Every structure is written in C-alpha cells, then in structure tokens.
Amino acid sequence: MLQILQSEFEHADSRRKLTQLLTSDIKQVNHYKVNRGAILGNHYHKETVEYFYITKGTFLMVLCSVINQNSVNRVLNKGSLVPVLPLLNHTIEALTNGEFMTFLTKAYSENDKDTYIQ
C-alpha cells in the first residue's frame, strides 16, 4: 500500500548531477514549508494520484484504504518519493520542521475538488 519509489535515472558528470525522479502526467505541483507538529491531509481522492517528495526534514505518513480499512505508517526523510493512489486516505505529520512537494495527476479545482473526508 505504501510504496517508496526509487529515482528513475541518475547521471553525473563534471558539470552536475541529474536525478530523474518521475515520469508521469502531472497537472499540478505544490511546495510546502511545514512546522514541526503540523498535521496535513486526512483525506482521499477518487481519481487523483498524489506524489509526495520530501525535500527537507522528517515526516510520518499514514495511509488507510477506504475500501478495507487496512493502514500503514511510514517515516519519510529527505529524498523519499511516495505515490498515494486513489482511495487511500492520507495524512502527513511533520516530525521536524520540513519541506515537501506534491505532484498531482489532476489539478485541484473548486468545481471538482476530488478531495473527500473518510
């Protein structure tokens, strides 16, 4: 249920290091700066896949299937990339001050939020 993705490709030369994280049809990208103790999410999507990429700090992610209530907890650190599939209720808690990005396959819209509380 909770899968940590590996980078798809890496290349380094004398100029730089390139890490290709993900190939996907992304419609929205968000960046979060989060204070220690903050709890975000606690919702699920019916259509959207939401990828979380931790860029700084330590977070606890909790996923729970809305279908069978199976749940899993995982501590995520800098460099963790986690896809959250539809129908997985997801909550992320900042165990330290930190930052992360989300990449969504469906853009948020007030008319079609695709965000549901379990």
Protein backbone atom coordinates (compact mmCIF):
# COMPACT_ATOMS: atom_id res chain seq x y z
CA MET A 1 0.00 0.00 0.00
CA LEU A 2 2.80 2.45 0.83
CA GLN A 3 5.49 2.31 -1.80
CA ILE A 4 8.71 4.34 -1.75
CA LEU A 5 9.78 4.98 -5.33
CA GLN A 6 13.39 4.96 -6.46
CA SER A 7 14.65 7.56 -8.89
CA GLU A 8 14.18 6.51 -12.50
CA PHE A 9 17.57 7.68 -13.73
CA GLU A 10 20.73 9.32 -12.46
CA HIS A 11 23.67 10.77 -14.33
CA ALA A 12 26.65 12.72 -13.09
CA ASP A 13 29.48 14.42 -14.90
CA SER A 14 31.86 17.29 -14.16
CA ARG A 15 29.04 19.85 -14.59
CA ARG A 16 26.28 18.46 -12.39
CA LYS A 17 24.31 15.52 -11.09
CA LEU A 18 20.90 14.85 -12.64
CA THR A 19 18.30 12.75 -10.86
CA GLN A 20 15.15 11.95 -12.83
CA LEU A 21 12.53 11.33 -10.18
CA LEU A 22 9.37 10.52 -12.05
CA THR A 23 7.75 10.22 -15.45
CA SER A 24 4.04 10.91 -15.13
CA ASP A 25 1.21 13.06 -16.46
CA ILE A 26 1.36 15.80 -13.79
CA LYS A 27 -1.26 18.57 -13.74
CA GLN A 28 -0.29 20.45 -10.55
CA VAL A 29 2.85 20.90 -8.42
CA ASN A 30 2.84 22.27 -4.85
CA HIS A 31 5.64 23.14 -2.41
CA TYR A 32 5.04 23.11 1.36
CA LYS A 33 7.08 24.56 4.22
CA VAL A 34 5.80 22.85 7.35
CA ASN A 35 6.29 23.48 11.05
CA ARG A 36 7.09 20.61 13.41
CA GLY A 37 3.88 19.06 14.74
CA ALA A 38 1.70 20.16 11.81
CA ILE A 39 -0.72 17.52 10.53
CA LEU A 40 -1.92 17.82 6.94
CA GLY A 41 -4.25 15.86 4.70
CA ASN A 42 -6.56 13.33 6.33
CA HIS A 43 -8.46 12.99 3.08
CA TYR A 44 -8.51 10.83 -0.03
CA HIS A 45 -9.05 11.27 -3.77
CA LYS A 46 -11.25 9.17 -6.04
CA GLU A 47 -9.31 9.97 -9.25
CA THR A 48 -6.07 11.79 -8.42
CA VAL A 49 -2.70 10.17 -7.81
CA GLU A 50 -0.69 12.44 -5.48
CA TYR A 51 3.08 12.02 -5.23
CA PHE A 52 4.87 13.30 -2.12
CA TYR A 53 8.57 14.21 -2.42
CA ILE A 54 10.32 15.09 0.86
CA THR A 55 12.96 17.79 0.34
CA LYS A 56 13.82 18.61 3.97
CA GLY A 57 13.03 17.17 7.40
CA THR A 58 11.26 14.07 8.69
CA PHE A 59 7.58 13.22 8.31
CA LEU A 60 5.20 10.44 9.35
CA MET A 61 2.84 9.34 6.59
CA VAL A 62 -0.28 7.34 7.42
CA LEU A 63 -2.23 5.66 4.62
CA CYS A 64 -5.56 3.90 5.11
CA SER A 65 -7.60 2.17 2.42
CA VAL A 66 -11.16 3.49 2.30
CA ILE A 67 -12.21 0.10 0.92
CA ASN A 68 -10.93 -2.33 3.55
CA GLN A 69 -9.52 -0.02 6.28
CA ASN A 70 -6.02 -1.57 6.04
CA SER A 71 -3.48 1.01 7.14
CA VAL A 72 0.26 1.53 7.14
CA ASN A 73 2.55 4.13 8.77
CA ARG A 74 6.00 5.07 7.47
CA VAL A 75 8.61 7.62 8.49
CA LEU A 76 9.81 9.59 5.46
CA ASN A 77 13.08 11.52 5.20
CA LYS A 78 14.69 13.79 2.63
CA GLY A 79 14.62 12.12 -0.77
CA SER A 80 11.58 9.92 -0.11
CA LEU A 81 9.14 9.82 -3.03
CA VAL A 82 5.76 8.23 -2.29
CA PRO A 83 2.78 7.80 -4.64
CA VAL A 84 -0.62 7.96 -2.96
CA LEU A 85 -3.13 6.15 -5.14
CA PRO A 86 -6.86 6.91 -5.31
CA LEU A 87 -8.99 5.67 -2.40
CA LEU A 88 -6.10 5.86 0.08
CA ASN A 89 -6.82 8.25 2.92
CA HIS A 90 -3.54 10.03 3.60
CA THR A 91 -2.22 12.09 6.47
CA ILE A 92 1.27 13.52 6.83
CA GLU A 93 2.70 14.79 10.13
CA ALA A 94 5.85 16.90 10.41
CA LEU A 95 8.14 15.27 12.98
CA THR A 96 10.59 18.16 12.39
CA ASN A 97 10.37 21.46 10.58
CA GLY A 98 10.49 20.45 6.96
CA GLU A 99 9.55 20.86 3.34
CA PHE A 100 7.94 18.66 0.73
CA MET A 101 6.43 18.86 -2.72
CA THR A 102 3.32 17.25 -4.12
CA PHE A 103 2.73 16.34 -7.75
CA LEU A 104 -0.90 15.67 -8.70
CA THR A 105 -2.27 13.94 -11.78
CA LYS A 106 -5.44 16.06 -11.58
CA ALA A 107 -5.35 19.77 -10.77
CA TYR A 108 -7.38 20.98 -7.80
CA SER A 109 -10.48 22.94 -8.79
CA GLU A 110 -13.21 24.47 -6.63
CA ASN A 111 -15.75 22.92 -9.04
CA ASP A 112 -14.21 19.42 -8.93
CA LYS A 113 -12.08 19.13 -5.78
CA ASP A 114 -11.64 15.33 -5.83
CA THR A 115 -10.91 15.60 -2.11
CA TYR A 116 -13.02 13.58 0.32
CA ILE A 117 -13.01 13.06 4.09
CA GLN A 118 -13.29 9.46 5.24
